Amino acid sequence: MVEKRADARRNQETLLDAAAAAFIESGVNVPVRDIATRAGVGVGTIYRHFPTRSDLIVAVYHHQIEACADAGPELLATSATPHLALAAWIDLFVDFLVTKHGLAEALHSDDAAFERLHGLFLERLLPVCARLLEAAAGAGEIRPGVGALELMRGVGNLCIGDRGDPRYDARRMVGFLIEGLRPPRR
């Protein structure tokens, strides 16, 4: 397999970020020309990289998973405390979930291209969340015994709670959840 040039990788990342934003805003059936405009490329460039809409959706989902997974160790290394790293990572996870919910219609289709994505989601993100939780618990910043899967499911459930209701702020509710992980004050 030939390694992509750095500029080609950057262009593809820009295109995937633009597609994710368009999917969130307008759904997965957004016209390809709108994604191309947002990315600053021609429609042909999108089709050259992603011959079908399914290819693009899978690539966006995969890109979002990898970005979220890669961010965990970086945040743990650069944040002032493990709890701040956890909170920042959960914020990125919320962004990912918003994109994922925008893709939900396609992801639940019978398209074989979508079959492996849920497994990849768990395989890549659960260990990252678990490491952040371990670090925060080890520092005494959160209650011990919080499981990565239960936290991620809780965040996910809070993110789908809005159902388009502008009075509901999922990010605010997730903030309450993360703050509630702290041990009781004595």
C-alpha atoms as a PDB file:
ATOM      1  CA  MET A   1       0.000   0.000   0.000  1.00  0.00           C
ATOM      2  CA  VAL A   2       1.367   3.410  -0.977  1.00  0.00           C
ATOM      3  CA  GLU A   3       1.622   6.008   1.816  1.00  0.00           C
ATOM      4  CA  LYS A   4      -0.282   9.210   1.055  1.00  0.00           C
ATOM      5  CA  ARG A   5       1.637  12.444   0.848  1.00  0.00           C
ATOM      6  CA  ALA A   6       1.269  14.748   3.849  1.00  0.00           C
ATOM      7  CA  ASP A   7      -0.648  17.349   1.817  1.00  0.00           C
ATOM      8  CA  ALA A   8      -3.007  14.686   0.462  1.00  0.00           C
ATOM      9  CA  ARG A   9      -3.665  13.450   4.027  1.00  0.00           C
ATOM     10  CA  ARG A  10      -4.351  17.021   5.190  1.00  0.00           C
ATOM     11  CA  ASN A  11      -6.717  17.585   2.275  1.00  0.00           C
ATOM     12  CA  GLN A  12      -8.559  14.379   3.057  1.00  0.00           C
ATOM     13  CA  GLU A  13      -8.832  15.355   6.756  1.00  0.00           C
ATOM     14  CA  THR A  14     -10.205  18.771   5.751  1.00  0.00           C
ATOM     15  CA  LEU A  15     -12.728  17.039   3.513  1.00  0.00           C
ATOM     16  CA  LEU A  16     -13.756  14.609   6.285  1.00  0.00           C
ATOM     17  CA  ASP A  17     -14.131  17.439   8.812  1.00  0.00           C
ATOM     18  CA  ALA A  18     -16.263  19.386   6.317  1.00  0.00           C
ATOM     19  CA  ALA A  19     -18.409  16.312   5.638  1.00  0.00           C
ATOM     20  CA  ALA A  20     -18.903  15.684   9.368  1.00  0.00           C
ATOM     21  CA  ALA A  21     -20.003  19.296   9.897  1.00  0.00           C
ATOM     22  CA  ALA A  22     -22.360  19.093   6.923  1.00  0.00           C
ATOM     23  CA  PHE A  23     -23.823  15.803   8.170  1.00  0.00           C
ATOM     24  CA  ILE A  24     -24.503  17.336  11.588  1.00  0.00           C
ATOM     25  CA  GLU A  25     -26.096  20.420  10.090  1.00  0.00           C
ATOM     26  CA  SER A  26     -28.083  18.886   7.231  1.00  0.00           C
ATOM     27  CA  GLY A  27     -28.057  15.101   7.610  1.00  0.00           C
ATOM     28  CA  VAL A  28     -26.230  12.423   5.643  1.00  0.00           C
ATOM     29  CA  ASN A  29     -28.151  13.198   2.479  1.00  0.00           C
ATOM     30  CA  VAL A  30     -26.627  16.688   2.218  1.00  0.00           C
ATOM     31  CA  PRO A  31     -25.671  17.386  -1.411  1.00  0.00           C
ATOM     32  CA  VAL A  32     -22.055  16.507  -2.181  1.00  0.00           C
ATOM     33  CA  ARG A  33     -21.580  19.961  -3.715  1.00  0.00           C
ATOM     34  CA  ASP A  34     -22.333  21.496  -0.285  1.00  0.00           C
ATOM     35  CA  ILE A  35     -19.620  19.350   1.301  1.00  0.00           C
ATOM     36  CA  ALA A  36     -17.218  20.263  -1.494  1.00  0.00           C
ATOM     37  CA  THR A  37     -17.901  23.979  -1.015  1.00  0.00           C
ATOM     38  CA  ARG A  38     -17.400  23.689   2.730  1.00  0.00           C
ATOM     39  CA  ALA A  39     -14.105  21.828   2.181  1.00  0.00           C
ATOM     40  CA  GLY A  40     -12.927  24.205  -0.548  1.00  0.00           C
ATOM     41  CA  VAL A  41     -12.583  21.435  -3.132  1.00  0.00           C
ATOM     42  CA  GLY A  42     -14.361  20.376  -6.286  1.00  0.00           C
ATOM     43  CA  VAL A  43     -17.062  17.721  -6.306  1.00  0.00           C
ATOM     44  CA  GLY A  44     -14.757  15.503  -8.363  1.00  0.00           C
ATOM     45  CA  THR A  45     -12.218  15.505  -5.542  1.00  0.00           C
ATOM     46  CA  ILE A  46     -14.783  14.052  -3.175  1.00  0.00           C
ATOM     47  CA  TYR A  47     -15.768  11.332  -5.635  1.00  0.00           C
ATOM     48  CA  ARG A  48     -12.101  10.563  -6.349  1.00  0.00           C
ATOM     49  CA  HIS A  49     -11.541   9.870  -2.637  1.00  0.00           C
ATOM     50  CA  PHE A  50     -14.997   8.453  -1.873  1.00  0.00           C
ATOM     51  CA  PRO A  51     -16.765   6.921  -4.887  1.00  0.00           C
ATOM     52  CA  THR A  52     -20.037   6.405  -2.987  1.00  0.00           C
ATOM     53  CA  ARG A  53     -21.872   8.227  -0.211  1.00  0.00           C
ATOM     54  CA  SER A  54     -21.449   5.112   1.938  1.00  0.00           C
ATOM     55  CA  ASP A  55     -17.687   5.335   1.476  1.00  0.00           C
ATOM     56  CA  LEU A  56     -17.760   8.945   2.649  1.00  0.00           C
ATOM     57  CA  ILE A  57     -19.990   8.206   5.656  1.00  0.00           C
ATOM     58  CA  VAL A  58     -17.783   5.312   6.766  1.00  0.00           C
ATOM     59  CA  ALA A  59     -14.657   7.448   6.343  1.00  0.00           C
ATOM     60  CA  VAL A  60     -16.165  10.305   8.394  1.00  0.00           C
ATOM     61  CA  TYR A  61     -17.171   7.934  11.185  1.00  0.00           C
ATOM     62  CA  HIS A  62     -13.769   6.234  11.180  1.00  0.00           C
ATOM     63  CA  HIS A  63     -11.966   9.606  11.144  1.00  0.00           C
ATOM     64  CA  GLN A  64     -14.019  10.786  14.111  1.00  0.00           C
ATOM     65  CA  ILE A  65     -13.256   7.610  16.077  1.00  0.00           C
ATOM     66  CA  GLU A  66      -9.532   7.911  15.458  1.00  0.00           C
ATOM     67  CA  ALA A  67      -9.427  11.617  16.321  1.00  0.00           C
ATOM     68  CA  CYS A  68     -11.257  10.979  19.593  1.00  0.00           C
ATOM     69  CA  ALA A  69      -9.045   7.984  20.441  1.00  0.00           C
ATOM     70  CA  ASP A  70      -5.830   9.882  19.679  1.00  0.00           C
ATOM     71  CA  ALA A  71      -6.914  12.861  21.781  1.00  0.00           C
ATOM     72  CA  GLY A  72      -7.137  10.922  25.072  1.00  0.00           C
ATOM     73  CA  PRO A  73      -3.424  10.318  25.702  1.00  0.00           C
ATOM     74  CA  GLU A  74      -2.578  13.803  24.443  1.00  0.00           C
ATOM     75  CA  LEU A  75      -5.058  15.404  26.845  1.00  0.00           C
ATOM     76  CA  LEU A  76      -3.801  13.299  29.731  1.00  0.00           C
ATOM     77  CA  ALA A  77      -0.240  14.409  29.009  1.00  0.00           C
ATOM     78  CA  THR A  78      -1.036  18.113  28.597  1.00  0.00           C
ATOM     79  CA  SER A  79      -3.914  18.863  30.976  1.00  0.00           C
ATOM     80  CA  ALA A  80      -3.307  20.284  34.447  1.00  0.00           C
ATOM     81  CA  THR A  81      -5.207  17.398  36.083  1.00  0.00           C
ATOM     82  CA  PRO A  82      -6.587  14.016  35.027  1.00  0.00           C
ATOM     83  CA  HIS A  83     -10.128  15.273  35.734  1.00  0.00           C
ATOM     84  CA  LEU A  84      -9.607  18.176  33.320  1.00  0.00           C
ATOM     85  CA  ALA A  85      -8.260  15.717  30.740  1.00  0.00           C
ATOM     86  CA  LEU A  86     -11.319  13.506  31.242  1.00  0.00           C
ATOM     87  CA  ALA A  87     -13.698  16.467  30.952  1.00  0.00           C
ATOM     88  CA  ALA A  88     -11.977  17.720  27.782  1.00  0.00           C
ATOM     89  CA  TRP A  89     -12.060  14.227  26.264  1.00  0.00           C
ATOM     90  CA  ILE A  90     -15.731  13.794  27.102  1.00  0.00           C
ATOM     91  CA  ASP A  91     -16.358  17.129  25.363  1.00  0.00           C
ATOM     92  CA  LEU A  92     -14.688  15.724  22.230  1.00  0.00           C
ATOM     93  CA  PHE A  93     -16.694  12.525  22.661  1.00  0.00           C
ATOM     94  CA  VAL A  94     -19.885  14.610  22.733  1.00  0.00           C
ATOM     95  CA  ASP A  95     -18.844  16.207  19.428  1.00  0.00           C
ATOM     96  CA  PHE A  96     -18.276  12.721  18.035  1.00  0.00           C
ATOM     97  CA  LEU A  97     -21.668  11.534  19.279  1.00  0.00           C
ATOM     98  CA  VAL A  98     -23.399  14.486  17.657  1.00  0.00           C
ATOM     99  CA  THR A  99     -21.784  13.459  14.365  1.00  0.00           C
ATOM    100  CA  LYS A 100     -22.632   9.805  15.022  1.00  0.00           C
ATOM    101  CA  HIS A 101     -26.265  10.636  15.653  1.00  0.00           C
ATOM    102  CA  GLY A 102     -26.282  12.554  12.406  1.00  0.00           C
ATOM    103  CA  LEU A 103     -25.067   9.369  10.756  1.00  0.00           C
ATOM    104  CA  ALA A 104     -27.382   7.043  12.679  1.00  0.00           C
ATOM    105  CA  GLU A 105     -29.807   6.605   9.795  1.00  0.00           C
ATOM    106  CA  ALA A 106     -27.047   5.387   7.525  1.00  0.00           C
ATOM    107  CA  LEU A 107     -25.264   3.389  10.206  1.00  0.00           C
ATOM    108  CA  HIS A 108     -28.365   1.324  10.890  1.00  0.00           C
ATOM    109  CA  SER A 109     -28.844   0.508   7.244  1.00  0.00           C
ATOM    110  CA  ASP A 110     -28.085  -2.903   5.817  1.00  0.00           C
ATOM    111  CA  ASP A 111     -24.974  -1.627   4.011  1.00  0.00           C
ATOM    112  CA  ALA A 112     -22.083  -4.023   4.725  1.00  0.00           C
ATOM    113  CA  ALA A 113     -19.690  -1.062   4.878  1.00  0.00           C
ATOM    114  CA  PHE A 114     -21.198  -0.069   8.236  1.00  0.00           C
ATOM    115  CA  GLU A 115     -20.962  -3.474   9.922  1.00  0.00           C
ATOM    116  CA  ARG A 116     -17.532  -3.115  11.540  1.00  0.00           C
ATOM    117  CA  LEU A 117     -17.906   0.489  12.744  1.00  0.00           C
ATOM    118  CA  HIS A 118     -19.548  -0.228  16.084  1.00  0.00           C
ATOM    119  CA  GLY A 119     -16.845  -2.751  16.945  1.00  0.00           C
ATOM    120  CA  LEU A 120     -14.167  -0.220  16.007  1.00  0.00           C
ATOM    121  CA  PHE A 121     -15.928   2.374  18.158  1.00  0.00           C
ATOM    122  CA  LEU A 122     -15.742   0.109  21.227  1.00  0.00           C
ATOM    123  CA  GLU A 123     -12.266  -1.215  20.446  1.00  0.00           C
ATOM    124  CA  ARG A 124     -10.703   2.243  20.103  1.00  0.00           C
ATOM    125  CA  LEU A 125     -12.671   4.414  22.546  1.00  0.00           C
ATOM    126  CA  LEU A 126     -13.354   2.196  25.561  1.00  0.00           C
ATOM    127  CA  PRO A 127      -9.664   1.791  26.478  1.00  0.00           C
ATOM    128  CA  VAL A 128      -9.073   5.538  26.124  1.00  0.00           C
ATOM    129  CA  CYS A 129     -11.994   6.373  28.393  1.00  0.00           C
ATOM    130  CA  ALA A 130     -10.908   3.670  30.858  1.00  0.00           C
ATOM    131  CA  ARG A 131      -7.371   5.111  31.026  1.00  0.00           C
ATOM    132  CA  LEU A 132      -8.708   8.615  31.673  1.00  0.00           C
ATOM    133  CA  LEU A 133     -11.034   7.308  34.391  1.00  0.00           C
ATOM    134  CA  GLU A 134      -8.187   5.347  36.013  1.00  0.00           C
ATOM    135  CA  ALA A 135      -5.951   8.407  36.044  1.00  0.00           C
ATOM    136  CA  ALA A 136      -8.648  10.649  37.525  1.00  0.00           C
ATOM    137  CA  ALA A 137      -9.607   8.037  40.146  1.00  0.00           C
ATOM    138  CA  GLY A 138      -5.943   7.435  40.968  1.00  0.00           C
ATOM    139  CA  ALA A 139      -5.528  11.168  41.583  1.00  0.00           C
ATOM    140  CA  GLY A 140      -8.579  11.116  43.876  1.00  0.00           C
ATOM    141  CA  GLU A 141     -10.446  13.467  41.535  1.00  0.00           C
ATOM    142  CA  ILE A 142     -13.360  11.132  40.809  1.00  0.00           C
ATOM    143  CA  ARG A 143     -15.085   8.295  42.612  1.00  0.00           C
ATOM    144  CA  PRO A 144     -13.406   4.943  42.005  1.00  0.00           C
ATOM    145  CA  GLY A 145     -15.243   2.191  40.175  1.00  0.00           C
ATOM    146  CA  VAL A 146     -16.781   4.209  37.324  1.00  0.00           C
ATOM    147  CA  GLY A 147     -16.722   1.997  34.243  1.00  0.00           C
ATOM    148  CA  ALA A 148     -15.827   3.324  30.817  1.00  0.00           C
ATOM    149  CA  LEU A 149     -18.788   1.657  29.097  1.00  0.00           C
ATOM    150  CA  GLU A 150     -21.311   2.919  31.643  1.00  0.00           C
ATOM    151  CA  LEU A 151     -19.936   6.464  31.408  1.00  0.00           C
ATOM    152  CA  MET A 152     -19.893   6.435  27.617  1.00  0.00           C
ATOM    153  CA  ARG A 153     -23.437   5.059  27.509  1.00  0.00           C
ATOM    154  CA  GLY A 154     -24.578   7.686  30.000  1.00  0.00           C
ATOM    155  CA  VAL A 155     -23.040  10.451  27.906  1.00  0.00           C
ATOM    156  CA  GLY A 156     -24.563   8.936  24.782  1.00  0.00           C
ATOM    157  CA  ASN A 157     -28.016   8.811  26.337  1.00  0.00           C
ATOM    158  CA  LEU A 158     -27.742  12.443  27.412  1.00  0.00           C
ATOM    159  CA  CYS A 159     -26.721  13.410  23.876  1.00  0.00           C
ATOM    160  CA  ILE A 160     -29.746  11.804  22.250  1.00  0.00           C
ATOM    161  CA  GLY A 161     -32.075  13.366  24.806  1.00  0.00           C
ATOM    162  CA  ASP A 162     -32.652  16.582  22.906  1.00  0.00           C
ATOM    163  CA  ARG A 163     -34.543  15.098  19.941  1.00  0.00           C
ATOM    164  CA  GLY A 164     -34.318  18.517  18.322  1.00  0.00           C
ATOM    165  CA  ASP A 165     -35.701  20.375  21.342  1.00  0.00           C
ATOM    166  CA  PRO A 166     -33.857  23.725  21.598  1.00  0.00           C
ATOM    167  CA  ARG A 167     -34.674  23.885  25.326  1.00  0.00           C
ATOM    168  CA  TYR A 168     -32.446  20.877  25.995  1.00  0.00           C
ATOM    169  CA  ASP A 169     -28.680  21.384  26.228  1.00  0.00           C
ATOM    170  CA  ALA A 170     -26.943  18.018  26.080  1.00  0.00           C
ATOM    171  CA  ARG A 171     -23.503  19.515  26.666  1.00  0.00           C
ATOM    172  CA  ARG A 172     -24.732  21.158  29.882  1.00  0.00           C
ATOM    173  CA  MET A 173     -26.231  17.880  31.086  1.00  0.00           C
ATOM    174  CA  VAL A 174     -22.998  16.025  30.303  1.00  0.00           C
ATOM    175  CA  GLY A 175     -21.135  18.685  32.296  1.00  0.00           C
ATOM    176  CA  PHE A 176     -23.321  17.890  35.301  1.00  0.00           C
ATOM    177  CA  LEU A 177     -22.547  14.196  34.846  1.00  0.00           C
ATOM    178  CA  ILE A 178     -18.789  14.755  34.711  1.00  0.00           C
ATOM    179  CA  GLU A 179     -18.888  17.040  37.734  1.00  0.00           C
ATOM    180  CA  GLY A 180     -20.969  14.417  39.544  1.00  0.00           C
ATOM    181  CA  LEU A 181     -18.122  11.914  39.208  1.00  0.00           C
ATOM    182  CA  ARG A 182     -16.172  13.855  41.814  1.00  0.00           C
ATOM    183  CA  PRO A 183     -15.994  12.249  45.258  1.00  0.00           C
ATOM    184  CA  PRO A 184     -18.249  13.705  47.950  1.00  0.00           C
ATOM    185  CA  ARG A 185     -16.765  16.647  49.854  1.00  0.00           C
ATOM    186  CA  ARG A 186     -16.099  16.079  53.494  1.00  0.00           C
END
